[in-house]
Amino acid sequence: MSICSPRLTASLIELLLHPSNKGTNHRVLTAFVKRLTGATITDARDLENEEGDIPKELFRTIEEYGPISSVRRVFDGDSGDSYSELSFSLTQPQSIYSLPI
């Protein structure tokens, strides 16, 4: 089973298009991933350093999302490894060419 979460993608797009976001896209992505998974993205620190702080209103919106670990209950009784696959897909870099279409 391949897991692709359009809802997570839509949520990220919603944050990036948030009216208070004025050029903090890399910081927003890092904060969103940190909130969902606890992992910290470290490959774009130079780009984040060029951005301002995330506006408080937008940061509060990010904080409204619950950690992805709370999704584990969705997979209760699943004999597969769906939760692990979802967690892995959210925290590992992937080539655009390896994503399912």
PDB file of N, CA and C in Angstrom:
ATOM      1  N   MET A   1       0.838  -1.170   0.000  1.00  0.00           N
ATOM      2  CA  MET A   1       0.000   0.000   0.000  1.00  0.00           C
ATOM      3  C   MET A   1       0.885   1.236   0.000  1.00  0.00           C
ATOM      4  N   SER A   2       0.688   2.118  -0.906  1.00  0.00           N
ATOM      5  CA  SER A   2       1.446   3.361  -0.962  1.00  0.00           C
ATOM      6  C   SER A   2       0.594   4.468  -0.351  1.00  0.00           C
ATOM      7  N   ILE A   3       1.191   5.200   0.579  1.00  0.00           N
ATOM      8  CA  ILE A   3       0.436   6.247   1.258  1.00  0.00           C
ATOM      9  C   ILE A   3       0.877   7.605   0.751  1.00  0.00           C
ATOM     10  N   CYS A   4      -0.056   8.345   0.252  1.00  0.00           N
ATOM     11  CA  CYS A   4       0.158   9.732  -0.147  1.00  0.00           C
ATOM     12  C   CYS A   4      -0.980  10.501   0.512  1.00  0.00           C
ATOM     13  N   SER A   5      -0.654  11.526   1.237  1.00  0.00           N
ATOM     14  CA  SER A   5      -1.697  12.211   1.977  1.00  0.00           C
ATOM     15  C   SER A   5      -2.019  13.561   1.360  1.00  0.00           C
ATOM     16  N   PRO A   6      -3.061  13.615   0.534  1.00  0.00           N
ATOM     17  CA  PRO A   6      -3.456  14.898  -0.028  1.00  0.00           C
ATOM     18  C   PRO A   6      -3.899  15.880   1.052  1.00  0.00           C
ATOM     19  N   ARG A   7      -4.413  15.381   2.171  1.00  0.00           N
ATOM     20  CA  ARG A   7      -4.844  16.285   3.238  1.00  0.00           C
ATOM     21  C   ARG A   7      -3.654  17.008   3.858  1.00  0.00           C
ATOM     22  N   LEU A   8      -2.546  16.295   4.068  1.00  0.00           N
ATOM     23  CA  LEU A   8      -1.353  16.947   4.614  1.00  0.00           C
ATOM     24  C   LEU A   8      -0.811  17.966   3.622  1.00  0.00           C
ATOM     25  N   THR A   9      -0.819  17.601   2.347  1.00  0.00           N
ATOM     26  CA  THR A   9      -0.359  18.523   1.314  1.00  0.00           C
ATOM     27  C   THR A   9      -1.251  19.753   1.275  1.00  0.00           C
ATOM     28  N   ALA A  10      -2.551  19.545   1.324  1.00  0.00           N
ATOM     29  CA  ALA A  10      -3.492  20.672   1.323  1.00  0.00           C
ATOM     30  C   ALA A  10      -3.290  21.547   2.558  1.00  0.00           C
ATOM     31  N   SER A  11      -3.023  20.935   3.693  1.00  0.00           N
ATOM     32  CA  SER A  11      -2.782  21.702   4.920  1.00  0.00           C
ATOM     33  C   SER A  11      -1.538  22.559   4.792  1.00  0.00           C
ATOM     34  N   LEU A  12      -0.475  21.995   4.213  1.00  0.00           N
ATOM     35  CA  LEU A  12       0.750  22.768   4.019  1.00  0.00           C
ATOM     36  C   LEU A  12       0.504  23.930   3.055  1.00  0.00           C
ATOM     37  N   ILE A  13      -0.205  23.666   1.980  1.00  0.00           N
ATOM     38  CA  ILE A  13      -0.519  24.731   1.020  1.00  0.00           C
ATOM     39  C   ILE A  13      -1.344  25.823   1.694  1.00  0.00           C
ATOM     40  N   GLU A  14      -2.289  25.420   2.534  1.00  0.00           N
ATOM     41  CA  GLU A  14      -3.087  26.397   3.268  1.00  0.00           C
ATOM     42  C   GLU A  14      -2.187  27.284   4.136  1.00  0.00           C
ATOM     43  N   LEU A  15      -1.205  26.699   4.787  1.00  0.00           N
ATOM     44  CA  LEU A  15      -0.283  27.475   5.622  1.00  0.00           C
ATOM     45  C   LEU A  15       0.581  28.412   4.782  1.00  0.00           C
ATOM     46  N   LEU A  16       1.050  27.905   3.646  1.00  0.00           N
ATOM     47  CA  LEU A  16       1.903  28.732   2.787  1.00  0.00           C
ATOM     48  C   LEU A  16       1.139  29.910   2.187  1.00  0.00           C
ATOM     49  N   LEU A  17      -0.176  29.722   1.970  1.00  0.00           N
ATOM     50  CA  LEU A  17      -1.010  30.785   1.409  1.00  0.00           C
ATOM     51  C   LEU A  17      -1.711  31.623   2.479  1.00  0.00           C
ATOM     52  N   HIS A  18      -1.430  31.336   3.728  1.00  0.00           N
ATOM     53  CA  HIS A  18      -2.057  32.065   4.840  1.00  0.00           C
ATOM     54  C   HIS A  18      -1.812  33.563   4.667  1.00  0.00           C
ATOM     55  N   PRO A  19      -2.835  34.384   4.896  1.00  0.00           N
ATOM     56  CA  PRO A  19      -2.704  35.831   4.676  1.00  0.00           C
ATOM     57  C   PRO A  19      -1.551  36.491   5.438  1.00  0.00           C
ATOM     58  N   SER A  20      -1.188  35.952   6.591  1.00  0.00           N
ATOM     59  CA  SER A  20      -0.106  36.575   7.367  1.00  0.00           C
ATOM     60  C   SER A  20       1.286  36.115   6.935  1.00  0.00           C
ATOM     61  N   ASN A  21       1.356  35.101   6.060  1.00  0.00           N
ATOM     62  CA  ASN A  21       2.667  34.603   5.614  1.00  0.00           C
ATOM     63  C   ASN A  21       3.248  35.571   4.590  1.00  0.00           C
ATOM     64  N   LYS A  22       4.303  36.197   4.973  1.00  0.00           N
ATOM     65  CA  LYS A  22       4.982  37.153   4.086  1.00  0.00           C
ATOM     66  C   LYS A  22       6.410  36.688   3.835  1.00  0.00           C
ATOM     67  N   GLY A  23       6.542  35.576   3.141  1.00  0.00           N
ATOM     68  CA  GLY A  23       7.871  35.107   2.755  1.00  0.00           C
ATOM     69  C   GLY A  23       8.587  34.265   3.788  1.00  0.00           C
ATOM     70  N   THR A  24       7.844  33.496   4.566  1.00  0.00           N
ATOM     71  CA  THR A  24       8.474  32.619   5.555  1.00  0.00           C
ATOM     72  C   THR A  24       8.257  31.148   5.206  1.00  0.00           C
ATOM     73  N   ASN A  25       8.204  30.844   3.928  1.00  0.00           N
ATOM     74  CA  ASN A  25       7.826  29.503   3.477  1.00  0.00           C
ATOM     75  C   ASN A  25       8.708  28.385   4.014  1.00  0.00           C
ATOM     76  N   HIS A  26      10.016  28.589   4.032  1.00  0.00           N
ATOM     77  CA  HIS A  26      10.903  27.531   4.522  1.00  0.00           C
ATOM     78  C   HIS A  26      10.720  27.325   6.025  1.00  0.00           C
ATOM     79  N   ARG A  27      10.557  28.403   6.747  1.00  0.00           N
ATOM     80  CA  ARG A  27      10.319  28.298   8.198  1.00  0.00           C
ATOM     81  C   ARG A  27       8.964  27.633   8.477  1.00  0.00           C
ATOM     82  N   VAL A  28       7.962  27.937   7.667  1.00  0.00           N
ATOM     83  CA  VAL A  28       6.643  27.325   7.828  1.00  0.00           C
ATOM     84  C   VAL A  28       6.736  25.820   7.605  1.00  0.00           C
ATOM     85  N   LEU A  29       7.411  25.405   6.554  1.00  0.00           N
ATOM     86  CA  LEU A  29       7.572  23.972   6.282  1.00  0.00           C
ATOM     87  C   LEU A  29       8.271  23.288   7.452  1.00  0.00           C
ATOM     88  N   THR A  30       9.349  23.875   7.936  1.00  0.00           N
ATOM     89  CA  THR A  30      10.082  23.281   9.052  1.00  0.00           C
ATOM     90  C   THR A  30       9.203  23.183  10.294  1.00  0.00           C
ATOM     91  N   ALA A  31       8.463  24.238  10.606  1.00  0.00           N
ATOM     92  CA  ALA A  31       7.588  24.231  11.784  1.00  0.00           C
ATOM     93  C   ALA A  31       6.462  23.213  11.638  1.00  0.00           C
ATOM     94  N   PHE A  32       5.913  23.091  10.425  1.00  0.00           N
ATOM     95  CA  PHE A  32       4.828  22.144  10.160  1.00  0.00           C
ATOM     96  C   PHE A  32       5.316  20.705  10.348  1.00  0.00           C
ATOM     97  N   VAL A  33       6.455  20.392   9.779  1.00  0.00           N
ATOM     98  CA  VAL A  33       7.020  19.046   9.924  1.00  0.00           C
ATOM     99  C   VAL A  33       7.363  18.765  11.381  1.00  0.00           C
ATOM    100  N   LYS A  34       7.946  19.752  12.058  1.00  0.00           N
ATOM    101  CA  LYS A  34       8.289  19.591  13.477  1.00  0.00           C
ATOM    102  C   LYS A  34       7.034  19.302  14.298  1.00  0.00           C
ATOM    103  N   ARG A  35       5.963  20.026  14.019  1.00  0.00           N
ATOM    104  CA  ARG A  35       4.709  19.835  14.752  1.00  0.00           C
ATOM    105  C   ARG A  35       4.118  18.457  14.506  1.00  0.00           C
ATOM    106  N   LEU A  36       4.161  18.001  13.253  1.00  0.00           N
ATOM    107  CA  LEU A  36       3.552  16.711  12.913  1.00  0.00           C
ATOM    108  C   LEU A  36       4.377  15.523  13.355  1.00  0.00           C
ATOM    109  N   THR A  37       5.702  15.613  13.203  1.00  0.00           N
ATOM    110  CA  THR A  37       6.535  14.429  13.396  1.00  0.00           C
ATOM    111  C   THR A  37       7.560  14.536  14.514  1.00  0.00           C
ATOM    112  N   GLY A  38       7.858  15.755  14.944  1.00  0.00           N
ATOM    113  CA  GLY A  38       8.921  15.934  15.932  1.00  0.00           C
ATOM    114  C   GLY A  38      10.288  16.044  15.278  1.00  0.00           C
ATOM    115  N   ALA A  39      10.363  15.802  13.976  1.00  0.00           N
ATOM    116  CA  ALA A  39      11.631  15.874  13.239  1.00  0.00           C
ATOM    117  C   ALA A  39      11.921  17.314  12.836  1.00  0.00           C
ATOM    118  N   THR A  40      13.196  17.636  12.728  1.00  0.00           N
ATOM    119  CA  THR A  40      13.608  18.968  12.318  1.00  0.00           C
ATOM    120  C   THR A  40      14.286  18.901  10.963  1.00  0.00           C
ATOM    121  N   ILE A  41      13.804  19.675  10.021  1.00  0.00           N
ATOM    122  CA  ILE A  41      14.420  19.763   8.703  1.00  0.00           C
ATOM    123  C   ILE A  41      15.667  20.641   8.839  1.00  0.00           C
ATOM    124  N   THR A  42      16.780  20.167   8.321  1.00  0.00           N
ATOM    125  CA  THR A  42      18.034  20.918   8.491  1.00  0.00           C
ATOM    126  C   THR A  42      18.716  21.273   7.182  1.00  0.00           C
ATOM    127  N   ASP A  43      18.118  20.951   6.046  1.00  0.00           N
ATOM    128  CA  ASP A  43      18.820  21.150   4.778  1.00  0.00           C
ATOM    129  C   ASP A  43      18.619  22.523   4.151  1.00  0.00           C
ATOM    130  N   ALA A  44      17.834  23.397   4.768  1.00  0.00           N
ATOM    131  CA  ALA A  44      17.604  24.718   4.165  1.00  0.00           C
ATOM    132  C   ALA A  44      17.801  25.826   5.198  1.00  0.00           C
ATOM    133  N   ARG A  45      18.711  25.612   6.123  1.00  0.00           N
ATOM    134  CA  ARG A  45      18.953  26.615   7.170  1.00  0.00           C
ATOM    135  C   ARG A  45      19.357  27.963   6.569  1.00  0.00           C
ATOM    136  N   ASP A  46      20.150  27.932   5.506  1.00  0.00           N
ATOM    137  CA  ASP A  46      20.587  29.189   4.885  1.00  0.00           C
ATOM    138  C   ASP A  46      19.384  29.963   4.329  1.00  0.00           C
ATOM    139  N   LEU A  47      18.415  29.240   3.758  1.00  0.00           N
ATOM    140  CA  LEU A  47      17.216  29.895   3.235  1.00  0.00           C
ATOM    141  C   LEU A  47      16.341  30.423   4.374  1.00  0.00           C
ATOM    142  N   GLU A  48      16.251  29.651   5.449  1.00  0.00           N
ATOM    143  CA  GLU A  48      15.481  30.109   6.605  1.00  0.00           C
ATOM    144  C   GLU A  48      16.096  31.361   7.215  1.00  0.00           C
ATOM    145  N   ASN A  49      17.424  31.434   7.220  1.00  0.00           N
ATOM    146  CA  ASN A  49      18.110  32.597   7.794  1.00  0.00           C
ATOM    147  C   ASN A  49      17.827  33.875   7.018  1.00  0.00           C
ATOM    148  N   GLU A  50      17.428  33.737   5.764  1.00  0.00           N
ATOM    149  CA  GLU A  50      17.088  34.898   4.942  1.00  0.00           C
ATOM    150  C   GLU A  50      15.647  35.354   5.164  1.00  0.00           C
ATOM    151  N   GLU A  51      14.863  34.532   5.849  1.00  0.00           N
ATOM    152  CA  GLU A  51      13.456  34.840   6.090  1.00  0.00           C
ATOM    153  C   GLU A  51      13.270  35.453   7.480  1.00  0.00           C
ATOM    154  N   GLY A  52      12.168  36.151   7.641  1.00  0.00           N
ATOM    155  CA  GLY A  52      11.823  36.669   8.961  1.00  0.00           C
ATOM    156  C   GLY A  52      11.199  35.577   9.811  1.00  0.00           C
ATOM    157  N   ASP A  53      10.770  35.957  10.990  1.00  0.00           N
ATOM    158  CA  ASP A  53      10.079  35.018  11.874  1.00  0.00           C
ATOM    159  C   ASP A  53       8.678  34.737  11.346  1.00  0.00           C
ATOM    160  N   ILE A  54       8.176  33.570  11.680  1.00  0.00           N
ATOM    161  CA  ILE A  54       6.797  33.224  11.333  1.00  0.00           C
ATOM    162  C   ILE A  54       5.880  34.142  12.144  1.00  0.00           C
ATOM    163  N   PRO A  55       4.940  34.810  11.494  1.00  0.00           N
ATOM    164  CA  PRO A  55       4.003  35.658  12.240  1.00  0.00           C
ATOM    165  C   PRO A  55       3.263  34.851  13.312  1.00  0.00           C
ATOM    166  N   LYS A  56       2.987  35.482  14.448  1.00  0.00           N
ATOM    167  CA  LYS A  56       2.343  34.785  15.565  1.00  0.00           C
ATOM    168  C   LYS A  56       1.026  34.136  15.170  1.00  0.00           C
ATOM    169  N   GLU A  57       0.233  34.829  14.372  1.00  0.00           N
ATOM    170  CA  GLU A  57      -1.058  34.280  13.935  1.00  0.00           C
ATOM    171  C   GLU A  57      -0.863  32.985  13.146  1.00  0.00           C
ATOM    172  N   LEU A  58       0.119  32.971  12.266  1.00  0.00           N
ATOM    173  CA  LEU A  58       0.403  31.780  11.466  1.00  0.00           C
ATOM    174  C   LEU A  58       0.978  30.669  12.332  1.00  0.00           C
ATOM    175  N   PHE A  59       1.846  31.022  13.270  1.00  0.00           N
ATOM    176  CA  PHE A  59       2.416  30.016  14.169  1.00  0.00           C
ATOM    177  C   PHE A  59       1.317  29.360  15.009  1.00  0.00           C
ATOM    178  N   ARG A  60       0.357  30.157  15.459  1.00  0.00           N
ATOM    179  CA  ARG A  60      -0.776  29.593  16.217  1.00  0.00           C
ATOM    180  C   ARG A  60      -1.573  28.624  15.342  1.00  0.00           C
ATOM    181  N   THR A  61      -1.720  28.938  14.067  1.00  0.00           N
ATOM    182  CA  THR A  61      -2.424  28.039  13.141  1.00  0.00           C
ATOM    183  C   THR A  61      -1.670  26.717  13.009  1.00  0.00           C
ATOM    184  N   ILE A  62      -0.345  26.783  12.898  1.00  0.00           N
ATOM    185  CA  ILE A  62       0.463  25.559  12.818  1.00  0.00           C
ATOM    186  C   ILE A  62       0.282  24.732  14.080  1.00  0.00           C
ATOM    187  N   GLU A  63       0.245  25.379  15.229  1.00  0.00           N
ATOM    188  CA  GLU A  63       0.100  24.684  16.508  1.00  0.00           C
ATOM    189  C   GLU A  63      -1.252  23.990  16.658  1.00  0.00           C
ATOM    190  N   GLU A  64      -2.234  24.377  15.853  1.00  0.00           N
ATOM    191  CA  GLU A  64      -3.548  23.732  15.911  1.00  0.00           C
ATOM    192  C   GLU A  64      -3.504  22.303  15.370  1.00  0.00           C
ATOM    193  N   TYR A  65      -2.507  21.993  14.551  1.00  0.00           N
ATOM    194  CA  TYR A  65      -2.366  20.636  14.029  1.00  0.00           C
ATOM    195  C   TYR A  65      -1.825  19.736  15.128  1.00  0.00           C
ATOM    196  N   GLY A  66      -2.349  18.528  15.182  1.00  0.00           N
ATOM    197  CA  GLY A  66      -1.867  17.574  16.169  1.00  0.00           C
ATOM    198  C   GLY A  66      -0.723  16.755  15.614  1.00  0.00           C
ATOM    199  N   PRO A  67       0.129  16.261  16.493  1.00  0.00           N
ATOM    200  CA  PRO A  67       1.235  15.411  16.041  1.00  0.00           C
ATOM    201  C   PRO A  67       0.710  14.197  15.283  1.00  0.00           C
ATOM    202  N   ILE A  68       1.459  13.779  14.283  1.00  0.00           N
ATOM    203  CA  ILE A  68       1.054  12.645  13.445  1.00  0.00           C
ATOM    204  C   ILE A  68       0.965  11.361  14.255  1.00  0.00           C
ATOM    205  N   SER A  69       1.657  11.287  15.383  1.00  0.00           N
ATOM    206  CA  SER A  69       1.589  10.082  16.212  1.00  0.00           C
ATOM    207  C   SER A  69       0.160   9.826  16.688  1.00  0.00           C
ATOM    208  N   SER A  70      -0.659  10.884  16.762  1.00  0.00           N
ATOM    209  CA  SER A  70      -2.041  10.686  17.163  1.00  0.00           C
ATOM    210  C   SER A  70      -2.843   9.992  16.065  1.00  0.00           C
ATOM    211  N   VAL A  71      -2.281   9.893  14.877  1.00  0.00           N
ATOM    212  CA  VAL A  71      -2.947   9.223  13.762  1.00  0.00           C
ATOM    213  C   VAL A  71      -2.820   7.708  13.897  1.00  0.00           C
ATOM    214  N   ARG A  72      -1.915   7.244  14.744  1.00  0.00           N
ATOM    215  CA  ARG A  72      -1.694   5.802  14.905  1.00  0.00           C
ATOM    216  C   ARG A  72      -3.009   5.054  15.125  1.00  0.00           C
ATOM    217  N   ARG A  73      -3.948   5.664  15.853  1.00  0.00           N
ATOM    218  CA  ARG A  73      -5.220   4.998  16.128  1.00  0.00           C
ATOM    219  C   ARG A  73      -6.000   4.697  14.862  1.00  0.00           C
ATOM    220  N   VAL A  74      -5.774   5.479  13.788  1.00  0.00           N
ATOM    221  CA  VAL A  74      -6.457   5.226  12.520  1.00  0.00           C
ATOM    222  C   VAL A  74      -6.049   3.873  11.967  1.00  0.00           C
ATOM    223  N   PHE A  75      -4.811   3.468  12.284  1.00  0.00           N
ATOM    224  CA  PHE A  75      -4.283   2.235  11.736  1.00  0.00           C
ATOM    225  C   PHE A  75      -4.424   1.046  12.686  1.00  0.00           C
ATOM    226  N   ASP A  76      -5.101   1.215  13.825  1.00  0.00           N
ATOM    227  CA  ASP A  76      -5.320   0.097  14.747  1.00  0.00           C
ATOM    228  C   ASP A  76      -6.024  -1.031  14.010  1.00  0.00           C
ATOM    229  N   GLY A  77      -5.521  -2.229  14.186  1.00  0.00           N
ATOM    230  CA  GLY A  77      -6.108  -3.383  13.530  1.00  0.00           C
ATOM    231  C   GLY A  77      -5.611  -3.604  12.116  1.00  0.00           C
ATOM    232  N   ASP A  78      -4.793  -2.694  11.609  1.00  0.00           N
ATOM    233  CA  ASP A  78      -4.223  -2.835  10.275  1.00  0.00           C
ATOM    234  C   ASP A  78      -3.071  -3.834  10.367  1.00  0.00           C
ATOM    235  N   SER A  79      -3.175  -4.924   9.653  1.00  0.00           N
ATOM    236  CA  SER A  79      -2.139  -5.951   9.720  1.00  0.00           C
ATOM    237  C   SER A  79      -0.892  -5.552   8.936  1.00  0.00           C
ATOM    238  N   GLY A  80      -0.996  -4.504   8.118  1.00  0.00           N
ATOM    239  CA  GLY A  80       0.156  -4.031   7.355  1.00  0.00           C
ATOM    240  C   GLY A  80       1.000  -3.076   8.170  1.00  0.00           C
ATOM    241  N   ASP A  81       1.864  -2.402   7.502  1.00  0.00           N
ATOM    242  CA  ASP A  81       2.770  -1.477   8.171  1.00  0.00           C
ATOM    243  C   ASP A  81       2.445  -0.050   7.730  1.00  0.00           C
ATOM    244  N   SER A  82       1.162   0.264   7.616  1.00  0.00           N
ATOM    245  CA  SER A  82       0.726   1.539   7.056  1.00  0.00           C
ATOM    246  C   SER A  82       1.210   2.733   7.856  1.00  0.00           C
ATOM    247  N   TYR A  83       1.147   2.656   9.196  1.00  0.00           N
ATOM    248  CA  TYR A  83       1.572   3.786  10.026  1.00  0.00           C
ATOM    249  C   TYR A  83       3.060   4.054   9.830  1.00  0.00           C
ATOM    250  N   SER A  84       3.858   3.011   9.830  1.00  0.00           N
ATOM    251  CA  SER A  84       5.296   3.178   9.643  1.00  0.00           C
ATOM    252  C   SER A  84       5.594   3.765   8.269  1.00  0.00           C
ATOM    253  N   GLU A  85       4.876   3.320   7.262  1.00  0.00           N
ATOM    254  CA  GLU A  85       5.074   3.832   5.911  1.00  0.00           C
ATOM    255  C   GLU A  85       4.700   5.315   5.835  1.00  0.00           C
ATOM    256  N   LEU A  86       3.603   5.695   6.479  1.00  0.00           N
ATOM    257  CA  LEU A  86       3.190   7.096   6.498  1.00  0.00           C
ATOM    258  C   LEU A  86       4.240   7.950   7.196  1.00  0.00           C
ATOM    259  N   SER A  87       4.679   7.505   8.364  1.00  0.00           N
ATOM    260  CA  SER A  87       5.686   8.245   9.119  1.00  0.00           C
ATOM    261  C   SER A  87       6.973   8.378   8.322  1.00  0.00           C
ATOM    262  N   PHE A  88       7.400   7.299   7.690  1.00  0.00           N
ATOM    263  CA  PHE A  88       8.622   7.318   6.881  1.00  0.00           C
ATOM    264  C   PHE A  88       8.478   8.279   5.709  1.00  0.00           C
ATOM    265  N   SER A  89       7.337   8.238   5.041  1.00  0.00           N
ATOM    266  CA  SER A  89       7.150   9.087   3.855  1.00  0.00           C
ATOM    267  C   SER A  89       7.126  10.566   4.215  1.00  0.00           C
ATOM    268  N   LEU A  90       6.741  10.901   5.438  1.00  0.00           N
ATOM    269  CA  LEU A  90       6.707  12.297   5.859  1.00  0.00           C
ATOM    270  C   LEU A  90       8.064  12.824   6.302  1.00  0.00           C
ATOM    271  N   THR A  91       8.960  11.920   6.678  1.00  0.00           N
ATOM    272  CA  THR A  91      10.229  12.371   7.248  1.00  0.00           C
ATOM    273  C   THR A  91      11.436  12.116   6.356  1.00  0.00           C
ATOM    274  N   GLN A  92      11.263  11.432   5.254  1.00  0.00           N
ATOM    275  CA  GLN A  92      12.387  11.119   4.377  1.00  0.00           C
ATOM    276  C   GLN A  92      12.315  11.928   3.091  1.00  0.00           C
ATOM    277  N   PRO A  93      13.467  12.426   2.647  1.00  0.00           N
ATOM    278  CA  PRO A  93      13.458  13.139   1.362  1.00  0.00           C
ATOM    279  C   PRO A  93      13.145  12.167   0.235  1.00  0.00           C
ATOM    280  N   GLN A  94      12.352  12.624  -0.702  1.00  0.00           N
ATOM    281  CA  GLN A  94      12.001  11.784  -1.844  1.00  0.00           C
ATOM    282  C   GLN A  94      12.201  12.568  -3.118  1.00  0.00           C
ATOM    283  N   SER A  95      12.650  11.867  -4.107  1.00  0.00           N
ATOM    284  CA  SER A  95      12.764  12.486  -5.423  1.00  0.00           C
ATOM    285  C   SER A  95      11.368  12.638  -5.996  1.00  0.00           C
ATOM    286  N   ILE A  96      11.127  13.741  -6.679  1.00  0.00           N
ATOM    287  CA  ILE A  96       9.842  13.962  -7.316  1.00  0.00           C
ATOM    288  C   ILE A  96       9.546  12.858  -8.331  1.00  0.00           C
ATOM    289  N   TYR A  97      10.607  12.243  -8.841  1.00  0.00           N
ATOM    290  CA  TYR A  97      10.430  11.196  -9.855  1.00  0.00           C
ATOM    291  C   TYR A  97      10.029   9.848  -9.240  1.00  0.00           C
ATOM    292  N   SER A  98      10.165   9.711  -7.903  1.00  0.00           N
ATOM    293  CA  SER A  98       9.797   8.447  -7.280  1.00  0.00           C
ATOM    294  C   SER A  98       8.391   8.471  -6.692  1.00  0.00           C
ATOM    295  N   LEU A  99       7.726   9.622  -6.773  1.00  0.00           N
ATOM    296  CA  LEU A  99       6.380   9.711  -6.209  1.00  0.00           C
ATOM    297  C   LEU A  99       5.360   9.096  -7.174  1.00  0.00           C
ATOM    298  N   PRO A 100       4.361   8.402  -6.619  1.00  0.00           N
ATOM    299  CA  PRO A 100       3.315   7.829  -7.472  1.00  0.00           C
ATOM    300  C   PRO A 100       2.482   8.926  -8.109  1.00  0.00           C
ATOM    301  N   ILE A 101       2.059   8.687  -9.306  1.00  0.00           N
ATOM    302  CA  ILE A 101       1.240   9.664 -10.028  1.00  0.00           C
ATOM    303  C   ILE A 101      -0.203   9.252  -9.996  1.00  0.00           C
TER     304      ILE A 101
END
